[in-house]
Amino acid sequence: MQAKARDQQLKDRWDQLLAHLTDQFSETEEIEIEGVLYLIGVQELGKIHQRFKKDDNVNIIHIGICTVLEPFGYYAFDFYDEDGWPHFKLLEELPVLKPGEQTVLMKEAIVDYFLEKDLIQ
């Protein structure tokens, strides 16, 4: 029964987070996981008002992924390059997960990130 309560808590927090981010950053469509990871990547990069090239977007999402998975022990911050971009080193390979399990892992990691930032409760 605890797993169901935990799953419901994650769902409730995820919904709260999406509602907040959608309200703040999107006028029409609900933000999806990649969009949330992009926002985290931009936040961590610290270049909030900069326009990015199309090629940069993948790297920004990667920063978001590494950032949220760092507390789980998969990545560790390594260094900032000369342009101020953070680089991470892989500590542990991500487990082979089914797509639904990957989504749950990412949602849990993202929710934890925003809980730590006191954006959601």
PDB file of N, CA and C in Angstrom:
ATOM      1  N   MET A   1       0.819  -1.210   0.000  1.00  0.00           N
ATOM      2  CA  MET A   1       0.000   0.000   0.000  1.00  0.00           C
ATOM      3  C   MET A   1       0.855   1.263   0.000  1.00  0.00           C
ATOM      4  N   GLN A   2       2.048   1.193   0.604  1.00  0.00           N
ATOM      5  CA  GLN A   2       2.915   2.357   0.640  1.00  0.00           C
ATOM      6  C   GLN A   2       3.344   2.785  -0.760  1.00  0.00           C
ATOM      7  N   ALA A   3       3.563   1.818  -1.653  1.00  0.00           N
ATOM      8  CA  ALA A   3       3.970   2.145  -3.017  1.00  0.00           C
ATOM      9  C   ALA A   3       2.899   2.963  -3.721  1.00  0.00           C
ATOM     10  N   LYS A   4       1.640   2.599  -3.497  1.00  0.00           N
ATOM     11  CA  LYS A   4       0.547   3.358  -4.124  1.00  0.00           C
ATOM     12  C   LYS A   4       0.490   4.781  -3.591  1.00  0.00           C
ATOM     13  N   ALA A   5       0.679   4.942  -2.289  1.00  0.00           N
ATOM     14  CA  ALA A   5       0.670   6.282  -1.692  1.00  0.00           C
ATOM     15  C   ALA A   5       1.841   7.104  -2.230  1.00  0.00           C
ATOM     16  N   ARG A   6       3.008   6.455  -2.369  1.00  0.00           N
ATOM     17  CA  ARG A   6       4.184   7.140  -2.911  1.00  0.00           C
ATOM     18  C   ARG A   6       3.953   7.526  -4.374  1.00  0.00           C
ATOM     19  N   ASP A   7       3.377   6.612  -5.149  1.00  0.00           N
ATOM     20  CA  ASP A   7       3.065   6.899  -6.549  1.00  0.00           C
ATOM     21  C   ASP A   7       2.085   8.065  -6.657  1.00  0.00           C
ATOM     22  N   GLN A   8       1.081   8.082  -5.793  1.00  0.00           N
ATOM     23  CA  GLN A   8       0.098   9.162  -5.813  1.00  0.00           C
ATOM     24  C   GLN A   8       0.746  10.488  -5.420  1.00  0.00           C
ATOM     25  N   GLN A   9       1.632  10.442  -4.433  1.00  0.00           N
ATOM     26  CA  GLN A   9       2.327  11.665  -4.015  1.00  0.00           C
ATOM     27  C   GLN A   9       3.183  12.206  -5.163  1.00  0.00           C
ATOM     28  N   LEU A  10       3.889  11.315  -5.862  1.00  0.00           N
ATOM     29  CA  LEU A  10       4.687  11.739  -7.014  1.00  0.00           C
ATOM     30  C   LEU A  10       3.791  12.340  -8.083  1.00  0.00           C
ATOM     31  N   LYS A  11       2.672  11.687  -8.367  1.00  0.00           N
ATOM     32  CA  LYS A  11       1.734  12.205  -9.373  1.00  0.00           C
ATOM     33  C   LYS A  11       1.209  13.582  -8.974  1.00  0.00           C
ATOM     34  N   ASP A  12       0.825  13.732  -7.712  1.00  0.00           N
ATOM     35  CA  ASP A  12       0.299  15.016  -7.242  1.00  0.00           C
ATOM     36  C   ASP A  12       1.356  16.118  -7.344  1.00  0.00           C
ATOM     37  N   ARG A  13       2.578  15.792  -6.933  1.00  0.00           N
ATOM     38  CA  ARG A  13       3.654  16.793  -7.006  1.00  0.00           C
ATOM     39  C   ARG A  13       4.002  17.124  -8.451  1.00  0.00           C
ATOM     40  N   TRP A  14       4.005  16.108  -9.316  1.00  0.00           N
ATOM     41  CA  TRP A  14       4.296  16.332 -10.736  1.00  0.00           C
ATOM     42  C   TRP A  14       3.235  17.243 -11.349  1.00  0.00           C
ATOM     43  N   ASP A  15       1.978  16.959 -11.050  1.00  0.00           N
ATOM     44  CA  ASP A  15       0.888  17.781 -11.570  1.00  0.00           C
ATOM     45  C   ASP A  15       0.994  19.222 -11.069  1.00  0.00           C
ATOM     46  N   GLN A  16       1.337  19.381  -9.796  1.00  0.00           N
ATOM     47  CA  GLN A  16       1.519  20.717  -9.213  1.00  0.00           C
ATOM     48  C   GLN A  16       2.667  21.449  -9.921  1.00  0.00           C
ATOM     49  N   LEU A  17       3.767  20.739 -10.148  1.00  0.00           N
ATOM     50  CA  LEU A  17       4.916  21.335 -10.821  1.00  0.00           C
ATOM     51  C   LEU A  17       4.570  21.748 -12.244  1.00  0.00           C
ATOM     52  N   LEU A  18       3.926  20.851 -12.990  1.00  0.00           N
ATOM     53  CA  LEU A  18       3.568  21.175 -14.374  1.00  0.00           C
ATOM     54  C   LEU A  18       2.610  22.352 -14.449  1.00  0.00           C
ATOM     55  N   ALA A  19       1.665  22.401 -13.539  1.00  0.00           N
ATOM     56  CA  ALA A  19       0.724  23.525 -13.524  1.00  0.00           C
ATOM     57  C   ALA A  19       1.477  24.833 -13.283  1.00  0.00           C
ATOM     58  N   HIS A  20       2.405  24.814 -12.341  1.00  0.00           N
ATOM     59  CA  HIS A  20       3.186  26.025 -12.034  1.00  0.00           C
ATOM     60  C   HIS A  20       4.041  26.443 -13.233  1.00  0.00           C
ATOM     61  N   LEU A  21       4.785  25.489 -13.811  1.00  0.00           N
ATOM     62  CA  LEU A  21       5.673  25.820 -14.925  1.00  0.00           C
ATOM     63  C   LEU A  21       4.903  26.214 -16.176  1.00  0.00           C
ATOM     64  N   THR A  22       3.802  25.526 -16.433  1.00  0.00           N
ATOM     65  CA  THR A  22       2.983  25.861 -17.595  1.00  0.00           C
ATOM     66  C   THR A  22       2.425  27.264 -17.450  1.00  0.00           C
ATOM     67  N   ASP A  23       1.958  27.593 -16.258  1.00  0.00           N
ATOM     68  CA  ASP A  23       1.431  28.933 -15.994  1.00  0.00           C
ATOM     69  C   ASP A  23       2.513  29.991 -16.184  1.00  0.00           C
ATOM     70  N   GLN A  24       3.727  29.670 -15.769  1.00  0.00           N
ATOM     71  CA  GLN A  24       4.811  30.647 -15.819  1.00  0.00           C
ATOM     72  C   GLN A  24       5.463  30.759 -17.202  1.00  0.00           C
ATOM     73  N   PHE A  25       5.549  29.644 -17.948  1.00  0.00           N
ATOM     74  CA  PHE A  25       6.345  29.648 -19.166  1.00  0.00           C
ATOM     75  C   PHE A  25       5.597  29.333 -20.459  1.00  0.00           C
ATOM     76  N   SER A  26       4.366  28.909 -20.378  1.00  0.00           N
ATOM     77  CA  SER A  26       3.638  28.540 -21.586  1.00  0.00           C
ATOM     78  C   SER A  26       2.230  29.097 -21.508  1.00  0.00           C
ATOM     79  N   GLU A  27       1.804  29.681 -22.590  1.00  0.00           N
ATOM     80  CA  GLU A  27       0.472  30.283 -22.578  1.00  0.00           C
ATOM     81  C   GLU A  27      -0.616  29.292 -22.967  1.00  0.00           C
ATOM     82  N   THR A  28      -0.234  28.245 -23.684  1.00  0.00           N
ATOM     83  CA  THR A  28      -1.272  27.357 -24.201  1.00  0.00           C
ATOM     84  C   THR A  28      -1.084  25.897 -23.826  1.00  0.00           C
ATOM     85  N   GLU A  29       0.072  25.333 -24.131  1.00  0.00           N
ATOM     86  CA  GLU A  29       0.266  23.893 -23.962  1.00  0.00           C
ATOM     87  C   GLU A  29       0.987  23.577 -22.663  1.00  0.00           C
ATOM     88  N   GLU A  30       0.614  22.431 -22.067  1.00  0.00           N
ATOM     89  CA  GLU A  30       1.297  21.964 -20.869  1.00  0.00           C
ATOM     90  C   GLU A  30       2.730  21.587 -21.233  1.00  0.00           C
ATOM     91  N   ILE A  31       3.656  21.960 -20.393  1.00  0.00           N
ATOM     92  CA  ILE A  31       5.058  21.646 -20.610  1.00  0.00           C
ATOM     93  C   ILE A  31       5.276  20.151 -20.382  1.00  0.00           C
ATOM     94  N   GLU A  32       6.094  19.543 -21.226  1.00  0.00           N
ATOM     95  CA  GLU A  32       6.401  18.120 -21.104  1.00  0.00           C
ATOM     96  C   GLU A  32       7.757  17.943 -20.426  1.00  0.00           C
ATOM     97  N   ILE A  33       8.132  16.695 -20.180  1.00  0.00           N
ATOM     98  CA  ILE A  33       9.379  16.396 -19.463  1.00  0.00           C
ATOM     99  C   ILE A  33      10.589  17.071 -20.122  1.00  0.00           C
ATOM    100  N   GLU A  34      10.717  16.962 -21.429  1.00  0.00           N
ATOM    101  CA  GLU A  34      11.867  17.586 -22.101  1.00  0.00           C
ATOM    102  C   GLU A  34      11.892  19.089 -21.873  1.00  0.00           C
ATOM    103  N   GLY A  35      10.737  19.711 -21.868  1.00  0.00           N
ATOM    104  CA  GLY A  35      10.662  21.145 -21.611  1.00  0.00           C
ATOM    105  C   GLY A  35      11.096  21.495 -20.199  1.00  0.00           C
ATOM    106  N   VAL A  36      10.708  20.654 -19.245  1.00  0.00           N
ATOM    107  CA  VAL A  36      11.111  20.873 -17.856  1.00  0.00           C
ATOM    108  C   VAL A  36      12.626  20.709 -17.734  1.00  0.00           C
ATOM    109  N   LEU A  37      13.170  19.675 -18.369  1.00  0.00           N
ATOM    110  CA  LEU A  37      14.621  19.462 -18.340  1.00  0.00           C
ATOM    111  C   LEU A  37      15.355  20.618 -19.000  1.00  0.00           C
ATOM    112  N   TYR A  38      14.782  21.169 -20.060  1.00  0.00           N
ATOM    113  CA  TYR A  38      15.368  22.333 -20.719  1.00  0.00           C
ATOM    114  C   TYR A  38      15.403  23.524 -19.751  1.00  0.00           C
ATOM    115  N   LEU A  39      14.300  23.763 -19.064  1.00  0.00           N
ATOM    116  CA  LEU A  39      14.252  24.872 -18.098  1.00  0.00           C
ATOM    117  C   LEU A  39      15.285  24.690 -16.988  1.00  0.00           C
ATOM    118  N   ILE A  40      15.432  23.467 -16.501  1.00  0.00           N
ATOM    119  CA  ILE A  40      16.429  23.178 -15.471  1.00  0.00           C
ATOM    120  C   ILE A  40      17.829  23.424 -16.028  1.00  0.00           C
ATOM    121  N   GLY A  41      18.075  22.964 -17.246  1.00  0.00           N
ATOM    122  CA  GLY A  41      19.380  23.165 -17.875  1.00  0.00           C
ATOM    123  C   GLY A  41      19.725  24.637 -18.031  1.00  0.00           C
ATOM    124  N   VAL A  42      18.768  25.431 -18.477  1.00  0.00           N
ATOM    125  CA  VAL A  42      18.995  26.879 -18.620  1.00  0.00           C
ATOM    126  C   VAL A  42      19.262  27.498 -17.251  1.00  0.00           C
ATOM    127  N   GLN A  43      18.491  27.092 -16.249  1.00  0.00           N
ATOM    128  CA  GLN A  43      18.683  27.599 -14.887  1.00  0.00           C
ATOM    129  C   GLN A  43      20.095  27.278 -14.392  1.00  0.00           C
ATOM    130  N   GLU A  44      20.515  26.049 -14.579  1.00  0.00           N
ATOM    131  CA  GLU A  44      21.833  25.624 -14.110  1.00  0.00           C
ATOM    132  C   GLU A  44      22.953  26.271 -14.918  1.00  0.00           C
ATOM    133  N   LEU A  45      22.701  26.514 -16.185  1.00  0.00           N
ATOM    134  CA  LEU A  45      23.683  27.189 -17.036  1.00  0.00           C
ATOM    135  C   LEU A  45      23.847  28.642 -16.612  1.00  0.00           C
ATOM    136  N   GLY A  46      22.749  29.221 -16.118  1.00  0.00           N
ATOM    137  CA  GLY A  46      22.805  30.588 -15.612  1.00  0.00           C
ATOM    138  C   GLY A  46      22.714  31.657 -16.688  1.00  0.00           C
ATOM    139  N   LYS A  47      22.314  31.265 -17.877  1.00  0.00           N
ATOM    140  CA  LYS A  47      22.202  32.222 -18.990  1.00  0.00           C
ATOM    141  C   LYS A  47      20.735  32.337 -19.371  1.00  0.00           C
ATOM    142  N   ILE A  48      19.971  32.853 -18.433  1.00  0.00           N
ATOM    143  CA  ILE A  48      18.514  32.853 -18.522  1.00  0.00           C
ATOM    144  C   ILE A  48      17.988  33.611 -19.740  1.00  0.00           C
ATOM    145  N   HIS A  49      18.559  34.739 -20.062  1.00  0.00           N
ATOM    146  CA  HIS A  49      18.005  35.605 -21.113  1.00  0.00           C
ATOM    147  C   HIS A  49      18.757  35.496 -22.435  1.00  0.00           C
ATOM    148  N   GLN A  50      19.579  34.492 -22.562  1.00  0.00           N
ATOM    149  CA  GLN A  50      20.352  34.321 -23.787  1.00  0.00           C
ATOM    150  C   GLN A  50      19.557  33.500 -24.798  1.00  0.00           C
ATOM    151  N   ARG A  51      19.714  33.839 -26.059  1.00  0.00           N
ATOM    152  CA  ARG A  51      19.136  33.007 -27.122  1.00  0.00           C
ATOM    153  C   ARG A  51      20.163  31.940 -27.472  1.00  0.00           C
ATOM    154  N   PHE A  52      19.676  30.715 -27.676  1.00  0.00           N
ATOM    155  CA  PHE A  52      20.569  29.606 -27.941  1.00  0.00           C
ATOM    156  C   PHE A  52      20.388  29.094 -29.359  1.00  0.00           C
ATOM    157  N   LYS A  53      21.462  28.530 -29.903  1.00  0.00           N
ATOM    158  CA  LYS A  53      21.402  27.884 -31.208  1.00  0.00           C
ATOM    159  C   LYS A  53      20.678  26.551 -31.053  1.00  0.00           C
ATOM    160  N   LYS A  54      20.169  26.063 -32.157  1.00  0.00           N
ATOM    161  CA  LYS A  54      19.441  24.798 -32.137  1.00  0.00           C
ATOM    162  C   LYS A  54      20.298  23.677 -31.549  1.00  0.00           C
ATOM    163  N   ASP A  55      21.582  23.645 -31.905  1.00  0.00           N
ATOM    164  CA  ASP A  55      22.483  22.604 -31.397  1.00  0.00           C
ATOM    165  C   ASP A  55      22.659  22.692 -29.883  1.00  0.00           C
ATOM    166  N   ASP A  56      22.541  23.890 -29.326  1.00  0.00           N
ATOM    167  CA  ASP A  56      22.705  24.069 -27.888  1.00  0.00           C
ATOM    168  C   ASP A  56      21.566  23.434 -27.094  1.00  0.00           C
ATOM    169  N   ASN A  57      20.388  23.344 -27.699  1.00  0.00           N
ATOM    170  CA  ASN A  57      19.213  22.850 -26.975  1.00  0.00           C
ATOM    171  C   ASN A  57      19.412  21.435 -26.438  1.00  0.00           C
ATOM    172  N   VAL A  58      20.036  20.567 -27.229  1.00  0.00           N
ATOM    173  CA  VAL A  58      20.295  19.198 -26.781  1.00  0.00           C
ATOM    174  C   VAL A  58      21.246  19.230 -25.592  1.00  0.00           C
ATOM    175  N   ASN A  59      22.265  20.069 -25.654  1.00  0.00           N
ATOM    176  CA  ASN A  59      23.226  20.179 -24.554  1.00  0.00           C
ATOM    177  C   ASN A  59      22.570  20.744 -23.295  1.00  0.00           C
ATOM    178  N   ILE A  60      21.642  21.656 -23.458  1.00  0.00           N
ATOM    179  CA  ILE A  60      20.928  22.235 -22.314  1.00  0.00           C
ATOM    180  C   ILE A  60      20.057  21.173 -21.644  1.00  0.00           C
ATOM    181  N   ILE A  61      19.374  20.367 -22.441  1.00  0.00           N
ATOM    182  CA  ILE A  61      18.575  19.273 -21.883  1.00  0.00           C
ATOM    183  C   ILE A  61      19.497  18.285 -21.165  1.00  0.00           C
ATOM    184  N   HIS A  62      20.670  18.026 -21.733  1.00  0.00           N
ATOM    185  CA  HIS A  62      21.636  17.124 -21.089  1.00  0.00           C
ATOM    186  C   HIS A  62      22.070  17.675 -19.723  1.00  0.00           C
ATOM    187  N   ILE A  63      22.283  18.977 -19.634  1.00  0.00           N
ATOM    188  CA  ILE A  63      22.616  19.604 -18.349  1.00  0.00           C
ATOM    189  C   ILE A  63      21.484  19.357 -17.356  1.00  0.00           C
ATOM    190  N   GLY A  64      20.249  19.509 -17.811  1.00  0.00           N
ATOM    191  CA  GLY A  64      19.096  19.252 -16.942  1.00  0.00           C
ATOM    192  C   GLY A  64      19.057  17.815 -16.466  1.00  0.00           C
ATOM    193  N   ILE A  65      19.298  16.880 -17.371  1.00  0.00           N
ATOM    194  CA  ILE A  65      19.287  15.458 -17.016  1.00  0.00           C
ATOM    195  C   ILE A  65      20.374  15.158 -15.986  1.00  0.00           C
ATOM    196  N   CYS A  66      21.581  15.619 -16.257  1.00  0.00           N
ATOM    197  CA  CYS A  66      22.698  15.357 -15.337  1.00  0.00           C
ATOM    198  C   CYS A  66      22.432  15.985 -13.971  1.00  0.00           C
ATOM    199  N   THR A  67      21.886  17.170 -13.972  1.00  0.00           N
ATOM    200  CA  THR A  67      21.616  17.874 -12.715  1.00  0.00           C
ATOM    201  C   THR A  67      20.617  17.119 -11.849  1.00  0.00           C
ATOM    202  N   VAL A  68      19.516  16.685 -12.455  1.00  0.00           N
ATOM    203  CA  VAL A  68      18.487  16.015 -11.637  1.00  0.00           C
ATOM    204  C   VAL A  68      18.890  14.599 -11.247  1.00  0.00           C
ATOM    205  N   LEU A  69      19.757  13.967 -12.035  1.00  0.00           N
ATOM    206  CA  LEU A  69      20.179  12.604 -11.709  1.00  0.00           C
ATOM    207  C   LEU A  69      21.436  12.572 -10.834  1.00  0.00           C
ATOM    208  N   GLU A  70      22.052  13.720 -10.630  1.00  0.00           N
ATOM    209  CA  GLU A  70      23.249  13.776  -9.782  1.00  0.00           C
ATOM    210  C   GLU A  70      22.980  13.265  -8.361  1.00  0.00           C
ATOM    211  N   PRO A  71      21.892  13.697  -7.697  1.00  0.00           N
ATOM    212  CA  PRO A  71      21.635  13.185  -6.344  1.00  0.00           C
ATOM    213  C   PRO A  71      21.377  11.673  -6.292  1.00  0.00           C
ATOM    214  N   PHE A  72      21.033  11.077  -7.419  1.00  0.00           N
ATOM    215  CA  PHE A  72      20.783   9.640  -7.485  1.00  0.00           C
ATOM    216  C   PHE A  72      22.077   8.857  -7.682  1.00  0.00           C
ATOM    217  N   GLY A  73      23.191   9.572  -7.846  1.00  0.00           N
ATOM    218  CA  GLY A  73      24.491   8.929  -7.962  1.00  0.00           C
ATOM    219  C   GLY A  73      24.904   8.527  -9.362  1.00  0.00           C
ATOM    220  N   TYR A  74      24.177   8.994 -10.380  1.00  0.00           N
ATOM    221  CA  TYR A  74      24.520   8.635 -11.750  1.00  0.00           C
ATOM    222  C   TYR A  74      25.551   9.587 -12.364  1.00  0.00           C
ATOM    223  N   TYR A  75      25.512  10.846 -11.988  1.00  0.00           N
ATOM    224  CA  TYR A  75      26.426  11.853 -12.522  1.00  0.00           C
ATOM    225  C   TYR A  75      27.014  12.663 -11.375  1.00  0.00           C
ATOM    226  N   ALA A  76      28.157  13.285 -11.665  1.00  0.00           N
ATOM    227  CA  ALA A  76      28.751  14.236 -10.719  1.00  0.00           C
ATOM    228  C   ALA A  76      29.243  15.422 -11.529  1.00  0.00           C
ATOM    229  N   PHE A  77      29.037  16.614 -10.988  1.00  0.00           N
ATOM    230  CA  PHE A  77      29.554  17.805 -11.640  1.00  0.00           C
ATOM    231  C   PHE A  77      31.070  17.658 -11.750  1.00  0.00           C
ATOM    232  N   ASP A  78      31.628  18.049 -12.903  1.00  0.00           N
ATOM    233  CA  ASP A  78      33.057  17.916 -13.131  1.00  0.00           C
ATOM    234  C   ASP A  78      33.744  19.281 -13.195  1.00  0.00           C
ATOM    235  N   PHE A  79      33.301  20.128 -14.146  1.00  0.00           N
ATOM    236  CA  PHE A  79      33.938  21.438 -14.306  1.00  0.00           C
ATOM    237  C   PHE A  79      33.081  22.323 -15.209  1.00  0.00           C
ATOM    238  N   TYR A  80      33.395  23.608 -15.190  1.00  0.00           N
ATOM    239  CA  TYR A  80      32.830  24.560 -16.153  1.00  0.00           C
ATOM    240  C   TYR A  80      33.875  24.792 -17.234  1.00  0.00           C
ATOM    241  N   ASP A  81      33.438  24.790 -18.493  1.00  0.00           N
ATOM    242  CA  ASP A  81      34.386  25.069 -19.571  1.00  0.00           C
ATOM    243  C   ASP A  81      34.593  26.577 -19.714  1.00  0.00           C
ATOM    244  N   GLU A  82      35.397  26.975 -20.673  1.00  0.00           N
ATOM    245  CA  GLU A  82      35.743  28.394 -20.837  1.00  0.00           C
ATOM    246  C   GLU A  82      34.543  29.266 -21.202  1.00  0.00           C
ATOM    247  N   ASP A  83      33.472  28.641 -21.696  1.00  0.00           N
ATOM    248  CA  ASP A  83      32.256  29.387 -22.029  1.00  0.00           C
ATOM    249  C   ASP A  83      31.241  29.375 -20.886  1.00  0.00           C
ATOM    250  N   GLY A  84      31.607  28.762 -19.764  1.00  0.00           N
ATOM    251  CA  GLY A  84      30.722  28.731 -18.608  1.00  0.00           C
ATOM    252  C   GLY A  84      29.719  27.593 -18.598  1.00  0.00           C
ATOM    253  N   TRP A  85      29.882  26.628 -19.496  1.00  0.00           N
ATOM    254  CA  TRP A  85      28.967  25.496 -19.553  1.00  0.00           C
ATOM    255  C   TRP A  85      29.428  24.419 -18.579  1.00  0.00           C
ATOM    256  N   PRO A  86      28.503  23.902 -17.753  1.00  0.00           N
ATOM    257  CA  PRO A  86      28.883  22.845 -16.818  1.00  0.00           C
ATOM    258  C   PRO A  86      29.060  21.508 -17.542  1.00  0.00           C
ATOM    259  N   HIS A  87      30.018  20.740 -17.050  1.00  0.00           N
ATOM    260  CA  HIS A  87      30.247  19.393 -17.575  1.00  0.00           C
ATOM    261  C   HIS A  87      30.155  18.414 -16.414  1.00  0.00           C
ATOM    262  N   PHE A  88      29.637  17.252 -16.700  1.00  0.00           N
ATOM    263  CA  PHE A  88      29.427  16.221 -15.696  1.00  0.00           C
ATOM    264  C   PHE A  88      30.166  14.963 -16.106  1.00  0.00           C
ATOM    265  N   LYS A  89      30.525  14.167 -15.116  1.00  0.00           N
ATOM    266  CA  LYS A  89      31.092  12.859 -15.431  1.00  0.00           C
ATOM    267  C   LYS A  89      30.089  11.793 -15.009  1.00  0.00           C
ATOM    268  N   LEU A  90      30.042  10.749 -15.789  1.00  0.00           N
ATOM    269  CA  LEU A  90      29.149   9.625 -15.517  1.00  0.00           C
ATOM    270  C   LEU A  90      29.781   8.777 -14.417  1.00  0.00           C
ATOM    271  N   LEU A  91      29.058   8.581 -13.326  1.00  0.00           N
ATOM    272  CA  LEU A  91      29.552   7.762 -12.219  1.00  0.00           C
ATOM    273  C   LEU A  91      29.066   6.331 -12.321  1.00  0.00           C
ATOM    274  N   GLU A  92      27.829   6.192 -12.770  1.00  0.00           N
ATOM    275  CA  GLU A  92      27.218   4.870 -12.857  1.00  0.00           C
ATOM    276  C   GLU A  92      26.276   4.867 -14.047  1.00  0.00           C
ATOM    277  N   GLU A  93      26.372   3.818 -14.848  1.00  0.00           N
ATOM    278  CA  GLU A  93      25.469   3.681 -15.990  1.00  0.00           C
ATOM    279  C   GLU A  93      24.030   3.649 -15.496  1.00  0.00           C
ATOM    280  N   LEU A  94      23.161   4.296 -16.218  1.00  0.00           N
ATOM    281  CA  LEU A  94      21.742   4.224 -15.881  1.00  0.00           C
ATOM    282  C   LEU A  94      21.262   2.798 -16.093  1.00  0.00           C
ATOM    283  N   PRO A  95      20.378   2.332 -15.230  1.00  0.00           N
ATOM    284  CA  PRO A  95      19.875   0.962 -15.402  1.00  0.00           C
ATOM    285  C   PRO A  95      19.026   0.855 -16.665  1.00  0.00           C
ATOM    286  N   VAL A  96      18.964  -0.335 -17.199  1.00  0.00           N
ATOM    287  CA  VAL A  96      18.098  -0.580 -18.350  1.00  0.00           C
ATOM    288  C   VAL A  96      16.666  -0.601 -17.821  1.00  0.00           C
ATOM    289  N   LEU A  97      15.893   0.367 -18.273  1.00  0.00           N
ATOM    290  CA  LEU A  97      14.516   0.503 -17.800  1.00  0.00           C
ATOM    291  C   LEU A  97      13.560   0.500 -18.978  1.00  0.00           C
ATOM    292  N   LYS A  98      12.367   0.036 -18.727  1.00  0.00           N
ATOM    293  CA  LYS A  98      11.309   0.154 -19.724  1.00  0.00           C
ATOM    294  C   LYS A  98      10.945   1.636 -19.836  1.00  0.00           C
ATOM    295  N   PRO A  99      10.370   2.074 -20.973  1.00  0.00           N
ATOM    296  CA  PRO A  99      10.042   3.497 -21.137  1.00  0.00           C
ATOM    297  C   PRO A  99       9.222   4.080 -19.983  1.00  0.00           C
ATOM    298  N   GLY A 100       8.241   3.366 -19.489  1.00  0.00           N
ATOM    299  CA  GLY A 100       7.430   3.865 -18.378  1.00  0.00           C
ATOM    300  C   GLY A 100       8.249   4.039 -17.113  1.00  0.00           C
ATOM    301  N   GLU A 101       9.190   3.118 -16.891  1.00  0.00           N
ATOM    302  CA  GLU A 101      10.059   3.206 -15.718  1.00  0.00           C
ATOM    303  C   GLU A 101      11.025   4.378 -15.847  1.00  0.00           C
ATOM    304  N   GLN A 102      11.510   4.625 -17.068  1.00  0.00           N
ATOM    305  CA  GLN A 102      12.375   5.790 -17.313  1.00  0.00           C
ATOM    306  C   GLN A 102      11.633   7.073 -16.973  1.00  0.00           C
ATOM    307  N   THR A 103      10.396   7.144 -17.386  1.00  0.00           N
ATOM    308  CA  THR A 103       9.580   8.334 -17.125  1.00  0.00           C
ATOM    309  C   THR A 103       9.404   8.547 -15.632  1.00  0.00           C
ATOM    310  N   VAL A 104       9.131   7.475 -14.898  1.00  0.00           N
ATOM    311  CA  VAL A 104       8.951   7.587 -13.444  1.00  0.00           C
ATOM    312  C   VAL A 104      10.245   8.066 -12.796  1.00  0.00           C
ATOM    313  N   LEU A 105      11.385   7.494 -13.203  1.00  0.00           N
ATOM    314  CA  LEU A 105      12.674   7.909 -12.653  1.00  0.00           C
ATOM    315  C   LEU A 105      12.915   9.394 -12.903  1.00  0.00           C
ATOM    316  N   MET A 106      12.673   9.838 -14.128  1.00  0.00           N
ATOM    317  CA  MET A 106      12.915  11.252 -14.455  1.00  0.00           C
ATOM    318  C   MET A 106      11.944  12.163 -13.701  1.00  0.00           C
ATOM    319  N   LYS A 107      10.685  11.776 -13.618  1.00  0.00           N
ATOM    320  CA  LYS A 107       9.720  12.594 -12.873  1.00  0.00           C
ATOM    321  C   LYS A 107      10.120  12.695 -11.406  1.00  0.00           C
ATOM    322  N   GLU A 108      10.534  11.570 -10.819  1.00  0.00           N
ATOM    323  CA  GLU A 108      10.959  11.569  -9.429  1.00  0.00           C
ATOM    324  C   GLU A 108      12.174  12.482  -9.234  1.00  0.00           C
ATOM    325  N   ALA A 109      13.142  12.392 -10.136  1.00  0.00           N
ATOM    326  CA  ALA A 109      14.349  13.215 -10.043  1.00  0.00           C
ATOM    327  C   ALA A 109      14.019  14.700 -10.218  1.00  0.00           C
ATOM    328  N   ILE A 110      13.130  15.019 -11.153  1.00  0.00           N
ATOM    329  CA  ILE A 110      12.728  16.410 -11.396  1.00  0.00           C
ATOM    330  C   ILE A 110      11.962  16.955 -10.195  1.00  0.00           C
ATOM    331  N   VAL A 111      11.029  16.175  -9.679  1.00  0.00           N
ATOM    332  CA  VAL A 111      10.257  16.609  -8.507  1.00  0.00           C
ATOM    333  C   VAL A 111      11.196  16.867  -7.332  1.00  0.00           C
ATOM    334  N   ASP A 112      12.161  15.973  -7.108  1.00  0.00           N
ATOM    335  CA  ASP A 112      13.131  16.167  -6.025  1.00  0.00           C
ATOM    336  C   ASP A 112      13.903  17.472  -6.212  1.00  0.00           C
ATOM    337  N   TYR A 113      14.296  17.756  -7.453  1.00  0.00           N
ATOM    338  CA  TYR A 113      15.021  18.999  -7.760  1.00  0.00           C
ATOM    339  C   TYR A 113      14.192  20.216  -7.349  1.00  0.00           C
ATOM    340  N   PHE A 114      12.911  20.220  -7.730  1.00  0.00           N
ATOM    341  CA  PHE A 114      12.070  21.373  -7.426  1.00  0.00           C
ATOM    342  C   PHE A 114      11.646  21.424  -5.959  1.00  0.00           C
ATOM    343  N   LEU A 115      11.578  20.267  -5.302  1.00  0.00           N
ATOM    344  CA  LEU A 115      11.344  20.268  -3.848  1.00  0.00           C
ATOM    345  C   LEU A 115      12.522  20.938  -3.132  1.00  0.00           C
ATOM    346  N   GLU A 116      13.729  20.593  -3.594  1.00  0.00           N
ATOM    347  CA  GLU A 116      14.935  21.185  -3.004  1.00  0.00           C
ATOM    348  C   GLU A 116      14.978  22.703  -3.226  1.00  0.00           C
ATOM    349  N   LYS A 117      14.445  23.147  -4.353  1.00  0.00           N
ATOM    350  CA  LYS A 117      14.412  24.579  -4.671  1.00  0.00           C
ATOM    351  C   LYS A 117      13.215  25.277  -4.029  1.00  0.00           C
ATOM    352  N   ASP A 118      12.387  24.529  -3.280  1.00  0.00           N
ATOM    353  CA  ASP A 118      11.193  25.040  -2.619  1.00  0.00           C
ATOM    354  C   ASP A 118      10.163  25.628  -3.566  1.00  0.00           C
ATOM    355  N   LEU A 119      10.091  25.076  -4.779  1.00  0.00           N
ATOM    356  CA  LEU A 119       9.093  25.542  -5.725  1.00  0.00           C
ATOM    357  C   LEU A 119       7.771  24.793  -5.525  1.00  0.00           C
ATOM    358  N   ILE A 120       7.883  23.540  -5.089  1.00  0.00           N
ATOM    359  CA  ILE A 120       6.686  22.752  -4.803  1.00  0.00           C
ATOM    360  C   ILE A 120       6.834  22.139  -3.426  1.00  0.00           C
ATOM    361  N   GLN A 121       5.718  21.584  -2.916  1.00  0.00           N
ATOM    362  CA  GLN A 121       5.736  21.001  -1.570  1.00  0.00           C
ATOM    363  C   GLN A 121       5.348  19.546  -1.604  1.00  0.00           C
TER     364      GLN A 121
END
